Protein backbone atom coordinates (compact mmCIF):
# COMPACT_ATOMS: atom_id res chain seq x y z
CA MET A 1 27.23 -16.46 17.05
CA ILE A 2 24.07 -16.38 14.91
CA THR A 3 24.06 -12.59 14.94
CA TRP A 4 27.70 -12.51 13.85
CA LEU A 5 27.03 -14.93 11.01
CA GLN A 6 24.09 -12.83 9.89
CA SER A 7 26.31 -9.75 9.75
CA VAL A 8 28.99 -11.61 7.82
CA PHE A 9 26.56 -12.82 5.18
CA SER A 10 24.28 -9.74 5.20
CA ASN A 11 25.64 -8.64 1.83
CA LYS A 12 25.26 -12.10 0.35
CA LEU A 13 21.56 -12.63 0.92
CA PRO A 14 19.63 -14.20 -1.95
CA THR A 15 17.73 -11.81 -4.20
CA LYS A 16 14.02 -11.69 -3.40
CA ARG A 17 11.55 -10.35 -5.95
CA ILE A 18 8.65 -8.22 -4.78
CA LEU A 19 5.58 -6.73 -6.41
CA LEU A 20 4.26 -3.76 -4.45
CA TYR A 21 0.72 -2.42 -4.82
CA GLY A 22 -1.33 0.35 -3.25
CA LEU A 23 -3.41 3.36 -4.18
CA GLN A 24 -1.66 6.71 -4.53
CA ARG A 25 -1.02 8.41 -1.17
CA SER A 26 -1.01 5.09 0.70
CA GLY A 27 2.71 5.09 1.57
CA THR A 28 4.10 2.80 -1.14
CA ASN A 29 7.20 4.96 -1.64
CA TYR A 30 7.91 4.94 2.09
CA LEU A 31 7.63 1.15 2.33
CA GLU A 32 9.83 0.64 -0.71
CA THR A 33 12.52 2.97 0.69
CA LEU A 34 12.33 1.36 4.14
CA LEU A 35 12.76 -2.12 2.74
CA GLN A 36 15.61 -1.22 0.40
CA LEU A 37 17.49 0.53 3.19
CA ASN A 38 17.42 -2.61 5.30
CA TYR A 39 17.25 -5.41 2.73
CA PRO A 40 19.07 -4.21 -0.40
CA SER A 41 18.92 -7.74 -1.80
CA CYS A 42 15.18 -7.28 -2.24
CA LYS A 43 14.24 -6.24 -5.75
CA PHE A 44 10.98 -4.48 -6.59
CA VAL A 45 9.93 -5.65 -10.03
CA ASN A 46 7.13 -3.14 -10.61
CA GLY A 47 7.02 -1.40 -13.98
CA PRO A 48 6.61 2.27 -15.00
CA ASN A 49 3.53 2.12 -17.24
CA ARG A 50 0.45 3.18 -15.30
CA ASN A 51 -2.02 1.01 -17.19
CA GLU A 52 -0.02 -2.22 -17.00
CA ILE A 53 -0.41 -5.04 -14.54
CA ILE A 54 2.96 -4.59 -12.83
CA HIS A 55 2.54 -0.87 -12.03
CA LYS A 56 2.19 -0.38 -8.27
CA HIS A 57 -1.04 1.63 -8.69
CA TYR A 58 -2.57 -0.76 -11.21
CA ARG A 59 -6.37 -0.82 -10.97
CA LEU A 60 -6.98 -4.52 -10.62
CA TYR A 61 -10.65 -4.25 -9.67
CA ASP A 62 -13.47 -5.15 -12.04
CA ASN A 63 -15.48 -1.91 -12.07
CA LYS A 64 -13.33 0.11 -14.47
CA THR A 65 -15.72 3.09 -14.31
CA CYS A 66 -14.07 3.92 -10.97
CA ILE A 67 -10.61 4.45 -12.46
CA PRO A 68 -9.94 8.12 -11.60
CA GLU A 69 -7.50 9.16 -14.32
CA PRO A 70 -7.12 8.11 -18.00
CA GLN A 71 -3.48 7.01 -17.67
CA PHE A 72 -4.63 4.13 -15.45
CA ASN A 73 -7.37 2.90 -17.78
CA ASN A 74 -7.34 -0.83 -18.53
CA ASP A 75 -9.87 -3.44 -19.62
CA GLU A 76 -8.37 -6.45 -17.86
CA HIS A 77 -10.45 -8.67 -15.58
CA TYR A 78 -9.21 -11.48 -13.34
CA GLN A 79 -11.73 -13.81 -11.77
CA GLN A 80 -9.12 -15.74 -9.79
CA PHE A 81 -5.65 -15.03 -8.50
CA THR A 82 -4.22 -17.70 -10.79
CA ASP A 83 -5.58 -15.72 -13.75
CA PHE A 84 -3.77 -12.66 -12.46
CA GLU A 85 -0.44 -14.46 -12.06
CA LYS A 86 -0.69 -16.00 -15.51
CA SER A 87 -1.01 -12.47 -16.92
CA LEU A 88 2.25 -11.27 -15.38
CA PRO A 89 5.00 -10.68 -17.97
CA PHE A 90 7.48 -12.67 -15.88
CA GLU A 91 7.67 -15.38 -13.26
CA ALA A 92 5.58 -14.68 -10.16
CA PRO A 93 7.43 -12.78 -7.41
CA ASP A 94 8.36 -14.16 -4.02
CA VAL A 95 5.81 -11.95 -2.31
CA TYR A 96 3.14 -9.32 -2.95
CA LEU A 97 3.04 -6.34 -0.58
CA ILE A 98 -0.23 -4.41 -0.41
CA MET A 99 0.15 -1.00 1.26
CA SER A 100 -2.80 0.88 2.76
CA LYS A 101 -3.73 3.86 4.87
CA ASP A 102 -6.85 4.08 6.97
CA PRO A 103 -9.60 5.36 4.63
CA TYR A 104 -9.98 8.76 6.31
CA SER A 105 -6.35 9.83 6.14
CA TRP A 106 -6.07 8.32 2.67
CA TYR A 107 -9.16 10.18 1.47
CA THR A 108 -7.99 13.62 2.60
CA SER A 109 -4.58 13.07 0.99
CA TYR A 110 -6.08 11.56 -2.18
CA ILE A 111 -8.40 14.55 -2.65
CA GLY A 112 -5.42 16.90 -2.48
CA TRP A 113 -3.41 14.72 -4.88
CA SER A 114 -6.23 14.60 -7.42
CA LYS A 115 -6.55 18.38 -7.41
CA LYS A 116 -2.79 18.89 -7.66
CA ASN A 117 -2.66 16.64 -10.72
CA ASN A 118 -5.84 18.03 -12.31
CA TRP A 119 -7.70 14.74 -12.33
CA PRO A 120 -11.20 14.90 -13.85
CA GLN A 121 -14.12 15.15 -11.45
CA PRO A 122 -15.18 11.55 -10.77
CA PRO A 123 -18.79 10.37 -11.17
CA TYR A 124 -18.40 8.40 -7.94
CA HIS A 125 -17.00 8.89 -4.43
CA TYR A 126 -13.32 8.06 -3.98
CA ILE A 127 -14.16 5.76 -1.06
CA GLU A 128 -15.88 3.51 -3.58
CA GLU A 129 -12.52 3.09 -5.30
CA TYR A 130 -10.87 2.36 -1.93
CA ASN A 131 -13.37 -0.47 -1.40
CA LEU A 132 -12.77 -1.85 -4.89
CA PHE A 133 -8.97 -1.69 -4.83
CA TYR A 134 -8.40 -3.31 -1.45
CA GLY A 135 -11.44 -5.55 -1.70
CA LYS A 136 -10.04 -7.25 -4.80
CA TRP A 137 -6.67 -7.80 -3.17
CA MET A 138 -8.33 -9.10 -0.01
CA ALA A 139 -10.28 -11.62 -2.08
CA PHE A 140 -7.05 -12.71 -3.79
CA ALA A 141 -5.35 -13.05 -0.38
CA GLU A 142 -7.83 -15.80 0.44
CA GLU A 143 -6.36 -17.76 -2.46
CA ASN A 144 -2.66 -17.16 -1.86
CA LYS A 145 -0.47 -16.76 1.24
CA ARG A 146 2.15 -14.68 -0.55
CA ILE A 147 -0.06 -11.59 -0.37
CA ILE A 148 0.81 -9.46 2.67
CA PHE A 149 -1.04 -6.34 3.80
CA ILE A 150 0.93 -3.52 5.40
CA GLN A 151 -0.53 -0.53 7.26
CA TYR A 152 1.20 2.80 6.72
CA ALA A 153 0.67 3.81 10.35
CA GLU A 154 2.36 0.63 11.60
CA ALA A 155 5.26 1.14 9.18
CA LEU A 156 5.74 4.58 10.74
CA THR A 157 5.36 3.64 14.39
CA ASN A 158 6.82 0.14 14.39
CA PRO A 159 8.97 -0.36 11.28
CA GLU A 160 10.83 -3.17 13.06
CA ARG A 161 7.69 -5.28 13.28
CA VAL A 162 6.73 -4.58 9.67
CA LEU A 163 10.19 -5.56 8.46
CA GLN A 164 10.08 -8.70 10.60
CA LYS A 165 6.79 -9.69 8.99
CA ILE A 166 8.24 -9.22 5.51
CA ALA A 167 11.54 -10.89 6.39
CA HIS A 168 9.69 -13.92 7.75
CA ALA A 169 7.64 -14.21 4.55
CA LEU A 170 10.81 -14.02 2.45
CA ASN A 171 12.85 -16.30 4.72
CA LEU A 172 15.38 -13.55 5.40
CA PRO A 173 17.24 -12.88 8.69
CA VAL A 174 15.68 -10.33 11.03
CA ARG A 175 17.67 -7.12 11.43
CA GLU A 176 18.51 -6.21 15.02
CA LYS A 177 19.00 -2.58 14.05
CA ILE A 178 17.12 -0.95 11.22
CA LYS A 179 17.44 2.24 9.19
CA THR A 180 14.52 4.59 8.64
CA THR A 181 13.91 7.59 6.41
CA LYS A 182 12.08 10.92 6.65
CA LYS A 183 12.04 11.73 2.94
CA VAL A 184 10.77 9.70 0.00
CA TYR A 185 9.95 10.40 -3.62
CA ALA A 186 6.81 12.49 -4.30
CA SER A 187 6.42 13.46 -0.62
CA ARG A 188 7.53 16.31 1.58
CA ARG A 189 9.93 15.65 4.43
CA PHE A 190 8.04 13.87 7.19
CA THR A 191 8.86 15.90 10.32
CA SER A 192 8.12 14.79 13.87
CA ASP A 193 5.30 17.35 14.02
CA LYS A 194 3.70 15.91 10.89
CA LYS A 195 4.08 12.41 12.27
CA ASP A 196 2.42 13.40 15.56
CA ALA A 197 -0.40 15.14 13.71
CA PHE A 198 -0.97 12.04 11.60
CA LEU A 199 -0.91 9.66 14.55
CA HIS A 200 -3.32 11.91 16.48
CA LYS A 201 -5.65 11.80 13.46
CA SER A 202 -5.71 15.53 12.82
CA TYR A 203 -6.78 14.73 9.26
CA LEU A 204 -10.28 13.97 10.58
CA GLN A 205 -10.79 17.70 11.05
CA LYS A 206 -10.44 18.18 7.28
CA ILE A 207 -13.55 16.12 6.55
CA SER A 208 -16.90 17.92 6.62
CA PRO A 209 -19.74 16.40 8.69
CA GLU A 210 -21.66 15.72 5.48
CA ASP A 211 -18.74 13.93 3.87
CA PHE A 212 -18.16 11.99 7.08
CA VAL A 213 -21.68 10.56 6.83
CA THR A 214 -21.12 9.67 3.18
CA ILE A 215 -17.76 7.99 3.88
CA ASN A 216 -19.13 5.96 6.79
CA THR A 217 -22.12 4.90 4.70
CA LEU A 218 -20.02 3.81 1.73
CA LEU A 219 -17.19 2.04 3.56
CA ASP A 220 -17.21 -1.75 3.33
CA LYS A 221 -17.27 -2.60 7.04
CA GLY A 222 -16.12 -6.19 6.54
CA LEU A 223 -13.16 -5.10 4.42
CA LEU A 224 -12.29 -2.37 6.89
CA SER A 225 -12.09 -4.91 9.71
CA LYS A 226 -9.89 -7.26 7.68
CA LEU A 227 -7.53 -4.38 6.89
CA GLY A 228 -7.31 -3.60 10.60
CA TYR A 229 -9.17 -0.26 10.61
CA GLN A 230 -12.36 0.99 12.21
CA ILE A 231 -15.20 3.41 11.60
CA GLU A 232 -14.41 6.86 12.98
CA SER A 233 -16.81 9.31 14.58
CA THR A 234 -17.32 12.90 13.43
CA GLN A 235 -16.86 14.02 17.06
């Protein structure tokens, strides 16, 4: 009976407003597509301007010298989450979704993306930016329960569970059957071979032993644990 009622009212669900954040190459487009396929009443209220607070790649962190590309430059600083919400150009959303990849797969993809888009050579290591971006959101999450972290790998392997987590936070009915996608904006079609390669961590082979040492030295171990990742070995 409950399932039938859910299906009857599935097209009449209340609109839920979402702000989505994540570094480039973290899977934000995939998560947005996945959610809209299954919960079309959800509305992403992110904006298009790269240096504004509601852009999904907005550099919220305090050390602005680690912003990799001029279009993302901003001088804004937020000591507390309440300061951040007060700076939004509209009423706070129902939930904040923070998308991440494990730092190794993200790093290899991010390097390729930076070269493709002719980003300037940074005076820092990209892993330092990873620490800053997710570290700031993790600190804010201690102040507010509407901030939810999503792992790209889990969204790929268990989209049902990810959608259940989001649905629960938004007080929406859980879908018994969900729709998935293999193609999203700014990404090539995600074939089963590519998925297997990703899940078997083939990207680790792209990292030189020297860079592996640097990455493992720079990574914030406490943050990594909170995000649900672990230090990888070069072997």
